[in-house]
Amino acid sequence: MESPDEEGHAGSIAGKIAAIEDIDQLVISRVRDYPGEVRVLCMPDHLTPIAIKTHVGEPVPFVLAGAGIASSRATGFDEDAAAATGLRVDPGFGVMQLLLG
C-alpha cells in the first residue's frame, strides 16, 4: 500500500494521516478480526518523513500479532513506541523468523 509513502513525498501530513487511517480501517481491522489461528505482519518497507519528503534508512515500526505471539506492550504504532519496546530486528529479514516461528 503505497499511499502513506506518496503522501510523505508530497509533504502532506493530512494526507499521510488519512492514508494510514484508511489502511487501519479497511485492511488491518479486517485481518485482526479474521477467525482462526493466523499470524499477521504489517510493516512499511521504509520511512518517508514528511519533513524531508524522501526515504530514510531508519528502523521501521511493525506489528506482529496472532497465534503464539507474545505482546511487546507497545503503547502505539509509531517510531517512538516501537523504539520504546527495545525490540530491534537486525538484519531486517529476521522479522520473517518471528512471523513463521
PDB file of N, CA and C in Angstrom:
ATOM      1  N   MET A   1       0.843  -1.156   0.000  1.00  0.00           N
ATOM      2  CA  MET A   1       0.000   0.000   0.000  1.00  0.00           C
ATOM      3  C   MET A   1       0.896   1.228   0.000  1.00  0.00           C
ATOM      4  N   GLU A   2       0.831   1.927  -1.059  1.00  0.00           N
ATOM      5  CA  GLU A   2       1.788   2.995  -1.336  1.00  0.00           C
ATOM      6  C   GLU A   2       1.346   4.377  -0.868  1.00  0.00           C
ATOM      7  N   SER A   3       0.088   4.526  -0.482  1.00  0.00           N
ATOM      8  CA  SER A   3      -0.428   5.868  -0.223  1.00  0.00           C
ATOM      9  C   SER A   3       0.308   6.635   0.886  1.00  0.00           C
ATOM     10  N   PRO A   4       0.676   6.026   2.032  1.00  0.00           N
ATOM     11  CA  PRO A   4       1.425   6.823   3.020  1.00  0.00           C
ATOM     12  C   PRO A   4       2.788   7.296   2.488  1.00  0.00           C
ATOM     13  N   ASP A   5       3.440   6.459   1.690  1.00  0.00           N
ATOM     14  CA  ASP A   5       4.726   6.842   1.105  1.00  0.00           C
ATOM     15  C   ASP A   5       4.557   8.032   0.161  1.00  0.00           C
ATOM     16  N   GLU A   6       3.543   7.980  -0.686  1.00  0.00           N
ATOM     17  CA  GLU A   6       3.310   9.076  -1.634  1.00  0.00           C
ATOM     18  C   GLU A   6       2.972  10.376  -0.906  1.00  0.00           C
ATOM     19  N   GLU A   7       2.193  10.271   0.162  1.00  0.00           N
ATOM     20  CA  GLU A   7       1.864  11.472   0.941  1.00  0.00           C
ATOM     21  C   GLU A   7       3.105  12.020   1.644  1.00  0.00           C
ATOM     22  N   GLY A   8       4.024  11.135   2.047  1.00  0.00           N
ATOM     23  CA  GLY A   8       5.288  11.582   2.620  1.00  0.00           C
ATOM     24  C   GLY A   8       6.118  12.349   1.608  1.00  0.00           C
ATOM     25  N   HIS A   9       6.160  11.838   0.363  1.00  0.00           N
ATOM     26  CA  HIS A   9       6.889  12.543  -0.699  1.00  0.00           C
ATOM     27  C   HIS A   9       6.266  13.906  -0.986  1.00  0.00           C
ATOM     28  N   ALA A  10       4.941  13.985  -0.860  1.00  0.00           N
ATOM     29  CA  ALA A  10       4.242  15.250  -1.111  1.00  0.00           C
ATOM     30  C   ALA A  10       4.366  16.217   0.074  1.00  0.00           C
ATOM     31  N   GLY A  11       4.804  15.705   1.223  1.00  0.00           N
ATOM     32  CA  GLY A  11       4.913  16.552   2.407  1.00  0.00           C
ATOM     33  C   GLY A  11       3.575  16.855   3.052  1.00  0.00           C
ATOM     34  N   SER A  12       2.589  16.004   2.820  1.00  0.00           N
ATOM     35  CA  SER A  12       1.232  16.253   3.311  1.00  0.00           C
ATOM     36  C   SER A  12       0.944  15.468   4.583  1.00  0.00           C
ATOM     37  N   ILE A  13       0.948  16.152   5.718  1.00  0.00           N
ATOM     38  CA  ILE A  13       0.643  15.464   6.978  1.00  0.00           C
ATOM     39  C   ILE A  13      -0.805  14.988   6.997  1.00  0.00           C
ATOM     40  N   ALA A  14      -1.725  15.812   6.514  1.00  0.00           N
ATOM     41  CA  ALA A  14      -3.141  15.416   6.498  1.00  0.00           C
ATOM     42  C   ALA A  14      -3.343  14.212   5.583  1.00  0.00           C
ATOM     43  N   GLY A  15      -2.702  14.222   4.435  1.00  0.00           N
ATOM     44  CA  GLY A  15      -2.821  13.100   3.506  1.00  0.00           C
ATOM     45  C   GLY A  15      -2.218  11.826   4.064  1.00  0.00           C
ATOM     46  N   LYS A  16      -1.079  11.945   4.744  1.00  0.00           N
ATOM     47  CA  LYS A  16      -0.429  10.760   5.315  1.00  0.00           C
ATOM     48  C   LYS A  16      -1.282  10.173   6.437  1.00  0.00           C
ATOM     49  N   ILE A  17      -1.831  11.034   7.286  1.00  0.00           N
ATOM     50  CA  ILE A  17      -2.710  10.558   8.357  1.00  0.00           C
ATOM     51  C   ILE A  17      -3.928   9.855   7.770  1.00  0.00           C
ATOM     52  N   ALA A  18      -4.549  10.457   6.768  1.00  0.00           N
ATOM     53  CA  ALA A  18      -5.730   9.850   6.144  1.00  0.00           C
ATOM     54  C   ALA A  18      -5.388   8.508   5.505  1.00  0.00           C
ATOM     55  N   ALA A  19      -4.237   8.423   4.859  1.00  0.00           N
ATOM     56  CA  ALA A  19      -3.826   7.168   4.217  1.00  0.00           C
ATOM     57  C   ALA A  19      -3.625   6.064   5.248  1.00  0.00           C
ATOM     58  N   ILE A  20      -2.990   6.388   6.359  1.00  0.00           N
ATOM     59  CA  ILE A  20      -2.761   5.396   7.418  1.00  0.00           C
ATOM     60  C   ILE A  20      -4.085   5.000   8.069  1.00  0.00           C
ATOM     61  N   GLU A  21      -4.968   5.959   8.279  1.00  0.00           N
ATOM     62  CA  GLU A  21      -6.282   5.639   8.848  1.00  0.00           C
ATOM     63  C   GLU A  21      -7.073   4.732   7.909  1.00  0.00           C
ATOM     64  N   ASP A  22      -6.996   4.979   6.604  1.00  0.00           N
ATOM     65  CA  ASP A  22      -7.684   4.117   5.636  1.00  0.00           C
ATOM     66  C   ASP A  22      -7.158   2.690   5.701  1.00  0.00           C
ATOM     67  N   ILE A  23      -5.841   2.529   5.769  1.00  0.00           N
ATOM     68  CA  ILE A  23      -5.256   1.194   5.856  1.00  0.00           C
ATOM     69  C   ILE A  23      -5.716   0.503   7.134  1.00  0.00           C
ATOM     70  N   ASP A  24      -5.726   1.235   8.246  1.00  0.00           N
ATOM     71  CA  ASP A  24      -6.168   0.660   9.504  1.00  0.00           C
ATOM     72  C   ASP A  24      -7.622   0.213   9.423  1.00  0.00           C
ATOM     73  N   GLN A  25      -8.477   1.075   8.872  1.00  0.00           N
ATOM     74  CA  GLN A  25      -9.908   0.766   8.810  1.00  0.00           C
ATOM     75  C   GLN A  25     -10.232  -0.310   7.786  1.00  0.00           C
ATOM     76  N   LEU A  26      -9.656  -0.230   6.604  1.00  0.00           N
ATOM     77  CA  LEU A  26     -10.050  -1.109   5.506  1.00  0.00           C
ATOM     78  C   LEU A  26      -9.273  -2.423   5.441  1.00  0.00           C
ATOM     79  N   VAL A  27      -8.089  -2.463   6.038  1.00  0.00           N
ATOM     80  CA  VAL A  27      -7.267  -3.667   5.936  1.00  0.00           C
ATOM     81  C   VAL A  27      -6.976  -4.264   7.308  1.00  0.00           C
ATOM     82  N   ILE A  28      -6.278  -3.513   8.147  1.00  0.00           N
ATOM     83  CA  ILE A  28      -5.816  -4.065   9.421  1.00  0.00           C
ATOM     84  C   ILE A  28      -6.975  -4.545  10.287  1.00  0.00           C
ATOM     85  N   SER A  29      -8.042  -3.774  10.373  1.00  0.00           N
ATOM     86  CA  SER A  29      -9.165  -4.182  11.218  1.00  0.00           C
ATOM     87  C   SER A  29      -9.783  -5.482  10.725  1.00  0.00           C
ATOM     88  N   ARG A  30      -9.816  -5.691   9.436  1.00  0.00           N
ATOM     89  CA  ARG A  30     -10.381  -6.933   8.886  1.00  0.00           C
ATOM     90  C   ARG A  30      -9.470  -8.126   9.145  1.00  0.00           C
ATOM     91  N   VAL A  31      -8.183  -7.921   9.002  1.00  0.00           N
ATOM     92  CA  VAL A  31      -7.242  -9.013   9.256  1.00  0.00           C
ATOM     93  C   VAL A  31      -7.225  -9.349  10.740  1.00  0.00           C
ATOM     94  N   ARG A  32      -7.236  -8.325  11.579  1.00  0.00           N
ATOM     95  CA  ARG A  32      -7.221  -8.524  13.032  1.00  0.00           C
ATOM     96  C   ARG A  32      -8.415  -9.357  13.482  1.00  0.00           C
ATOM     97  N   ASP A  33      -9.561  -9.155  12.856  1.00  0.00           N
ATOM     98  CA  ASP A  33     -10.783  -9.845  13.254  1.00  0.00           C
ATOM     99  C   ASP A  33     -11.005 -11.157  12.506  1.00  0.00           C
ATOM    100  N   TYR A  34     -10.027 -11.588  11.711  1.00  0.00           N
ATOM    101  CA  TYR A  34     -10.158 -12.823  10.939  1.00  0.00           C
ATOM    102  C   TYR A  34     -10.248 -14.012  11.899  1.00  0.00           C
ATOM    103  N   PRO A  35     -11.208 -14.910  11.667  1.00  0.00           N
ATOM    104  CA  PRO A  35     -11.345 -16.054  12.581  1.00  0.00           C
ATOM    105  C   PRO A  35     -10.227 -17.078  12.371  1.00  0.00           C
ATOM    106  N   GLY A  36      -9.938 -17.811  13.406  1.00  0.00           N
ATOM    107  CA  GLY A  36      -8.947 -18.870  13.301  1.00  0.00           C
ATOM    108  C   GLY A  36      -7.583 -18.441  13.786  1.00  0.00           C
ATOM    109  N   GLU A  37      -6.669 -19.387  13.765  1.00  0.00           N
ATOM    110  CA  GLU A  37      -5.317 -19.127  14.239  1.00  0.00           C
ATOM    111  C   GLU A  37      -4.440 -18.674  13.087  1.00  0.00           C
ATOM    112  N   VAL A  38      -4.234 -17.372  13.017  1.00  0.00           N
ATOM    113  CA  VAL A  38      -3.402 -16.785  11.980  1.00  0.00           C
ATOM    114  C   VAL A  38      -2.368 -15.872  12.634  1.00  0.00           C
ATOM    115  N   ARG A  39      -1.340 -15.559  11.878  1.00  0.00           N
ATOM    116  CA  ARG A  39      -0.360 -14.558  12.288  1.00  0.00           C
ATOM    117  C   ARG A  39      -0.339 -13.482  11.217  1.00  0.00           C
ATOM    118  N   VAL A  40      -0.182 -12.245  11.658  1.00  0.00           N
ATOM    119  CA  VAL A  40      -0.212 -11.114  10.747  1.00  0.00           C
ATOM    120  C   VAL A  40       1.021 -10.251  10.988  1.00  0.00           C
ATOM    121  N   LEU A  41       1.667  -9.843   9.902  1.00  0.00           N
ATOM    122  CA  LEU A  41       2.778  -8.907   9.967  1.00  0.00           C
ATOM    123  C   LEU A  41       2.413  -7.707   9.116  1.00  0.00           C
ATOM    124  N   CYS A  42       2.472  -6.534   9.713  1.00  0.00           N
ATOM    125  CA  CYS A  42       2.205  -5.297   8.989  1.00  0.00           C
ATOM    126  C   CYS A  42       3.381  -4.373   9.237  1.00  0.00           C
ATOM    127  N   MET A  43       4.045  -3.970   8.144  1.00  0.00           N
ATOM    128  CA  MET A  43       5.198  -3.086   8.299  1.00  0.00           C
ATOM    129  C   MET A  43       5.480  -2.360   6.995  1.00  0.00           C
ATOM    130  N   PRO A  44       6.022  -1.153   7.100  1.00  0.00           N
ATOM    131  CA  PRO A  44       6.442  -0.441   5.892  1.00  0.00           C
ATOM    132  C   PRO A  44       7.809  -0.947   5.441  1.00  0.00           C
ATOM    133  N   ASP A  45       8.147  -0.699   4.193  1.00  0.00           N
ATOM    134  CA  ASP A  45       9.469  -1.104   3.705  1.00  0.00           C
ATOM    135  C   ASP A  45      10.523  -0.044   4.010  1.00  0.00           C
ATOM    136  N   HIS A  46      10.078   1.188   4.291  1.00  0.00           N
ATOM    137  CA  HIS A  46      10.994   2.274   4.647  1.00  0.00           C
ATOM    138  C   HIS A  46      10.171   3.443   5.186  1.00  0.00           C
ATOM    139  N   LEU A  47      10.836   4.371   5.803  1.00  0.00           N
ATOM    140  CA  LEU A  47      10.186   5.592   6.277  1.00  0.00           C
ATOM    141  C   LEU A  47      10.321   6.686   5.222  1.00  0.00           C
ATOM    142  N   THR A  48       9.313   7.540   5.126  1.00  0.00           N
ATOM    143  CA  THR A  48       9.348   8.717   4.260  1.00  0.00           C
ATOM    144  C   THR A  48       8.829   9.902   5.076  1.00  0.00           C
ATOM    145  N   PRO A  49       9.705  10.502   5.881  1.00  0.00           N
ATOM    146  CA  PRO A  49       9.266  11.630   6.717  1.00  0.00           C
ATOM    147  C   PRO A  49       8.772  12.808   5.872  1.00  0.00           C
ATOM    148  N   ILE A  50       7.640  13.370   6.273  1.00  0.00           N
ATOM    149  CA  ILE A  50       7.101  14.496   5.510  1.00  0.00           C
ATOM    150  C   ILE A  50       7.991  15.721   5.583  1.00  0.00           C
ATOM    151  N   ALA A  51       8.790  15.830   6.629  1.00  0.00           N
ATOM    152  CA  ALA A  51       9.662  16.999   6.772  1.00  0.00           C
ATOM    153  C   ALA A  51      10.740  17.049   5.693  1.00  0.00           C
ATOM    154  N   ILE A  52      11.184  15.880   5.217  1.00  0.00           N
ATOM    155  CA  ILE A  52      12.249  15.871   4.202  1.00  0.00           C
ATOM    156  C   ILE A  52      11.798  15.293   2.862  1.00  0.00           C
ATOM    157  N   LYS A  53      10.604  14.698   2.821  1.00  0.00           N
ATOM    158  CA  LYS A  53       9.964  14.218   1.586  1.00  0.00           C
ATOM    159  C   LYS A  53      10.772  13.170   0.821  1.00  0.00           C
ATOM    160  N   THR A  54      11.591  12.407   1.518  1.00  0.00           N
ATOM    161  CA  THR A  54      12.356  11.352   0.847  1.00  0.00           C
ATOM    162  C   THR A  54      12.558  10.190   1.813  1.00  0.00           C
ATOM    163  N   HIS A  55      13.004   9.072   1.287  1.00  0.00           N
ATOM    164  CA  HIS A  55      13.208   7.877   2.096  1.00  0.00           C
ATOM    165  C   HIS A  55      14.410   8.034   3.020  1.00  0.00           C
ATOM    166  N   VAL A  56      14.316   7.377   4.173  1.00  0.00           N
ATOM    167  CA  VAL A  56      15.443   7.312   5.102  1.00  0.00           C
ATOM    168  C   VAL A  56      15.653   5.850   5.492  1.00  0.00           C
ATOM    169  N   GLY A  57      16.832   5.548   5.972  1.00  0.00           N
ATOM    170  CA  GLY A  57      17.180   4.169   6.299  1.00  0.00           C
ATOM    171  C   GLY A  57      16.992   3.799   7.757  1.00  0.00           C
ATOM    172  N   GLU A  58      16.198   4.546   8.493  1.00  0.00           N
ATOM    173  CA  GLU A  58      15.962   4.274   9.908  1.00  0.00           C
ATOM    174  C   GLU A  58      15.143   2.988  10.081  1.00  0.00           C
ATOM    175  N   PRO A  59      15.214   2.376  11.253  1.00  0.00           N
ATOM    176  CA  PRO A  59      14.360   1.203  11.509  1.00  0.00           C
ATOM    177  C   PRO A  59      12.882   1.564  11.401  1.00  0.00           C
ATOM    178  N   VAL A  60      12.088   0.626  10.942  1.00  0.00           N
ATOM    179  CA  VAL A  60      10.650   0.854  10.782  1.00  0.00           C
ATOM    180  C   VAL A  60       9.870   0.135  11.884  1.00  0.00           C
ATOM    181  N   PRO A  61       8.758   0.731  12.328  1.00  0.00           N
ATOM    182  CA  PRO A  61       7.914   0.021  13.288  1.00  0.00           C
ATOM    183  C   PRO A  61       7.157  -1.090  12.566  1.00  0.00           C
ATOM    184  N   PHE A  62       6.801  -2.126  13.306  1.00  0.00           N
ATOM    185  CA  PHE A  62       5.986  -3.181  12.705  1.00  0.00           C
ATOM    186  C   PHE A  62       5.034  -3.740  13.744  1.00  0.00           C
ATOM    187  N   VAL A  63       3.967  -4.337  13.239  1.00  0.00           N
ATOM    188  CA  VAL A  63       3.016  -5.036  14.094  1.00  0.00           C
ATOM    189  C   VAL A  63       3.079  -6.500  13.708  1.00  0.00           C
ATOM    190  N   LEU A  64       3.288  -7.338  14.694  1.00  0.00           N
ATOM    191  CA  LEU A  64       3.265  -8.781  14.514  1.00  0.00           C
ATOM    192  C   LEU A  64       2.298  -9.312  15.551  1.00  0.00           C
ATOM    193  N   ALA A  65       1.240  -9.942  15.113  1.00  0.00           N
ATOM    194  CA  ALA A  65       0.205 -10.389  16.039  1.00  0.00           C
ATOM    195  C   ALA A  65      -0.368 -11.715  15.581  1.00  0.00           C
ATOM    196  N   GLY A  66      -0.954 -12.421  16.523  1.00  0.00           N
ATOM    197  CA  GLY A  66      -1.633 -13.660  16.191  1.00  0.00           C
ATOM    198  C   GLY A  66      -1.265 -14.791  17.124  1.00  0.00           C
ATOM    199  N   ALA A  67      -1.599 -15.988  16.693  1.00  0.00           N
ATOM    200  CA  ALA A  67      -1.416 -17.195  17.492  1.00  0.00           C
ATOM    201  C   ALA A  67       0.046 -17.358  17.912  1.00  0.00           C
ATOM    202  N   GLY A  68       0.271 -17.446  19.221  1.00  0.00           N
ATOM    203  CA  GLY A  68       1.601 -17.703  19.748  1.00  0.00           C
ATOM    204  C   GLY A  68       2.528 -16.508  19.825  1.00  0.00           C
ATOM    205  N   ILE A  69       2.054 -15.306  19.513  1.00  0.00           N
ATOM    206  CA  ILE A  69       2.892 -14.106  19.543  1.00  0.00           C
ATOM    207  C   ILE A  69       2.677 -13.394  20.881  1.00  0.00           C
ATOM    208  N   ALA A  70       3.745 -13.204  21.640  1.00  0.00           N
ATOM    209  CA  ALA A  70       3.651 -12.504  22.925  1.00  0.00           C
ATOM    210  C   ALA A  70       3.598 -10.998  22.689  1.00  0.00           C
ATOM    211  N   SER A  71       2.908 -10.300  23.549  1.00  0.00           N
ATOM    212  CA  SER A  71       2.790  -8.842  23.441  1.00  0.00           C
ATOM    213  C   SER A  71       4.117  -8.171  23.766  1.00  0.00           C
ATOM    214  N   SER A  72       4.436  -7.129  23.010  1.00  0.00           N
ATOM    215  CA  SER A  72       5.616  -6.311  23.300  1.00  0.00           C
ATOM    216  C   SER A  72       5.265  -5.191  24.274  1.00  0.00           C
ATOM    217  N   ARG A  73       3.992  -5.040  24.541  1.00  0.00           N
ATOM    218  CA  ARG A  73       3.461  -3.988  25.406  1.00  0.00           C
ATOM    219  C   ARG A  73       3.665  -2.591  24.818  1.00  0.00           C
ATOM    220  N   ALA A  74       3.744  -2.515  23.503  1.00  0.00           N
ATOM    221  CA  ALA A  74       3.845  -1.215  22.837  1.00  0.00           C
ATOM    222  C   ALA A  74       2.601  -0.404  23.140  1.00  0.00           C
ATOM    223  N   THR A  75       2.777   0.899  23.244  1.00  0.00           N
ATOM    224  CA  THR A  75       1.658   1.776  23.568  1.00  0.00           C
ATOM    225  C   THR A  75       1.034   2.424  22.340  1.00  0.00           C
ATOM    226  N   GLY A  76       1.592   2.154  21.166  1.00  0.00           N
ATOM    227  CA  GLY A  76       1.072   2.723  19.927  1.00  0.00           C
ATOM    228  C   GLY A  76       1.831   2.136  18.756  1.00  0.00           C
ATOM    229  N   PHE A  77       1.525   2.637  17.578  1.00  0.00           N
ATOM    230  CA  PHE A  77       2.200   2.159  16.372  1.00  0.00           C
ATOM    231  C   PHE A  77       2.853   3.348  15.681  1.00  0.00           C
ATOM    232  N   ASP A  78       4.027   3.698  16.168  1.00  0.00           N
ATOM    233  CA  ASP A  78       4.831   4.730  15.539  1.00  0.00           C
ATOM    234  C   ASP A  78       6.286   4.478  15.905  1.00  0.00           C
ATOM    235  N   GLU A  79       7.161   5.284  15.386  1.00  0.00           N
ATOM    236  CA  GLU A  79       8.588   5.057  15.594  1.00  0.00           C
ATOM    237  C   GLU A  79       8.976   5.127  17.067  1.00  0.00           C
ATOM    238  N   ASP A  80       8.436   6.084  17.811  1.00  0.00           N
ATOM    239  CA  ASP A  80       8.775   6.231  19.222  1.00  0.00           C
ATOM    240  C   ASP A  80       8.286   5.033  20.047  1.00  0.00           C
ATOM    241  N   ALA A  81       7.044   4.606  19.805  1.00  0.00           N
ATOM    242  CA  ALA A  81       6.504   3.459  20.542  1.00  0.00           C
ATOM    243  C   ALA A  81       7.286   2.192  20.220  1.00  0.00           C
ATOM    244  N   ALA A  82       7.670   2.032  18.968  1.00  0.00           N
ATOM    245  CA  ALA A  82       8.454   0.855  18.579  1.00  0.00           C
ATOM    246  C   ALA A  82       9.813   0.862  19.270  1.00  0.00           C
ATOM    247  N   ALA A  83      10.467   2.000  19.284  1.00  0.00           N
ATOM    248  CA  ALA A  83      11.783   2.091  19.926  1.00  0.00           C
ATOM    249  C   ALA A  83      11.688   1.795  21.421  1.00  0.00           C
ATOM    250  N   ALA A  84      10.594   2.213  22.060  1.00  0.00           N
ATOM    251  CA  ALA A  84      10.429   2.011  23.493  1.00  0.00           C
ATOM    252  C   ALA A  84      10.310   0.532  23.869  1.00  0.00           C
ATOM    253  N   THR A  85       9.951  -0.339  22.929  1.00  0.00           N
ATOM    254  CA  THR A  85       9.845  -1.771  23.241  1.00  0.00           C
ATOM    255  C   THR A  85      11.214  -2.403  23.420  1.00  0.00           C
ATOM    256  N   GLY A  86      12.266  -1.784  22.851  1.00  0.00           N
ATOM    257  CA  GLY A  86      13.601  -2.359  22.914  1.00  0.00           C
ATOM    258  C   GLY A  86      13.829  -3.465  21.903  1.00  0.00           C
ATOM    259  N   LEU A  87      12.805  -3.798  21.126  1.00  0.00           N
ATOM    260  CA  LEU A  87      12.930  -4.848  20.119  1.00  0.00           C
ATOM    261  C   LEU A  87      13.471  -4.256  18.828  1.00  0.00           C
ATOM    262  N   ARG A  88      14.583  -4.775  18.384  1.00  0.00           N
ATOM    263  CA  ARG A  88      15.154  -4.355  17.112  1.00  0.00           C
ATOM    264  C   ARG A  88      15.579  -5.612  16.374  1.00  0.00           C
ATOM    265  N   VAL A  89      15.122  -5.757  15.154  1.00  0.00           N
ATOM    266  CA  VAL A  89      15.425  -6.941  14.362  1.00  0.00           C
ATOM    267  C   VAL A  89      16.469  -6.536  13.325  1.00  0.00           C
ATOM    268  N   ASP A  90      17.685  -7.064  13.503  1.00  0.00           N
ATOM    269  CA  ASP A  90      18.786  -6.718  12.613  1.00  0.00           C
ATOM    270  C   ASP A  90      19.620  -7.963  12.370  1.00  0.00           C
ATOM    271  N   PRO A  91      19.698  -8.433  11.146  1.00  0.00           N
ATOM    272  CA  PRO A  91      19.202  -7.807   9.928  1.00  0.00           C
ATOM    273  C   PRO A  91      17.681  -7.914   9.813  1.00  0.00           C
ATOM    274  N   GLY A  92      17.113  -7.004   9.042  1.00  0.00           N
ATOM    275  CA  GLY A  92      15.669  -6.872   8.925  1.00  0.00           C
ATOM    276  C   GLY A  92      14.931  -8.112   8.477  1.00  0.00           C
ATOM    277  N   PHE A  93      15.571  -8.949   7.647  1.00  0.00           N
ATOM    278  CA  PHE A  93      14.865 -10.135   7.164  1.00  0.00           C
ATOM    279  C   PHE A  93      14.561 -11.112   8.309  1.00  0.00           C
ATOM    280  N   GLY A  94      15.195 -10.906   9.475  1.00  0.00           N
ATOM    281  CA  GLY A  94      14.915 -11.750  10.642  1.00  0.00           C
ATOM    282  C   GLY A  94      13.484 -11.642  11.130  1.00  0.00           C
ATOM    283  N   VAL A  95      12.779 -10.604  10.713  1.00  0.00           N
ATOM    284  CA  VAL A  95      11.373 -10.477  11.119  1.00  0.00           C
ATOM    285  C   VAL A  95      10.551 -11.645  10.579  1.00  0.00           C
ATOM    286  N   MET A  96      10.987 -12.237   9.485  1.00  0.00           N
ATOM    287  CA  MET A  96      10.272 -13.403   8.937  1.00  0.00           C
ATOM    288  C   MET A  96      10.384 -14.591   9.873  1.00  0.00           C
ATOM    289  N   GLN A  97      11.500 -14.732  10.560  1.00  0.00           N
ATOM    290  CA  GLN A  97      11.637 -15.816  11.547  1.00  0.00           C
ATOM    291  C   GLN A  97      10.656 -15.611  12.695  1.00  0.00           C
ATOM    292  N   LEU A  98      10.444 -14.350  13.087  1.00  0.00           N
ATOM    293  CA  LEU A  98       9.457 -14.063  14.131  1.00  0.00           C
ATOM    294  C   LEU A  98       8.057 -14.405  13.641  1.00  0.00           C
ATOM    295  N   LEU A  99       7.758 -14.078  12.398  1.00  0.00           N
ATOM    296  CA  LEU A  99       6.438 -14.365  11.843  1.00  0.00           C
ATOM    297  C   LEU A  99       6.173 -15.856  11.744  1.00  0.00           C
ATOM    298  N   LEU A 100       7.141 -16.587  11.248  1.00  0.00           N
ATOM    299  CA  LEU A 100       6.941 -18.013  10.991  1.00  0.00           C
ATOM    300  C   LEU A 100       7.168 -18.889  12.224  1.00  0.00           C
ATOM    301  N   GLY A 101       7.802 -18.302  13.246  1.00  0.00           N
ATOM    302  CA  GLY A 101       8.017 -19.038  14.492  1.00  0.00           C
ATOM    303  C   GLY A 101       9.131 -19.992  14.361  1.00  0.00           C
TER     304      GLY A 101
END
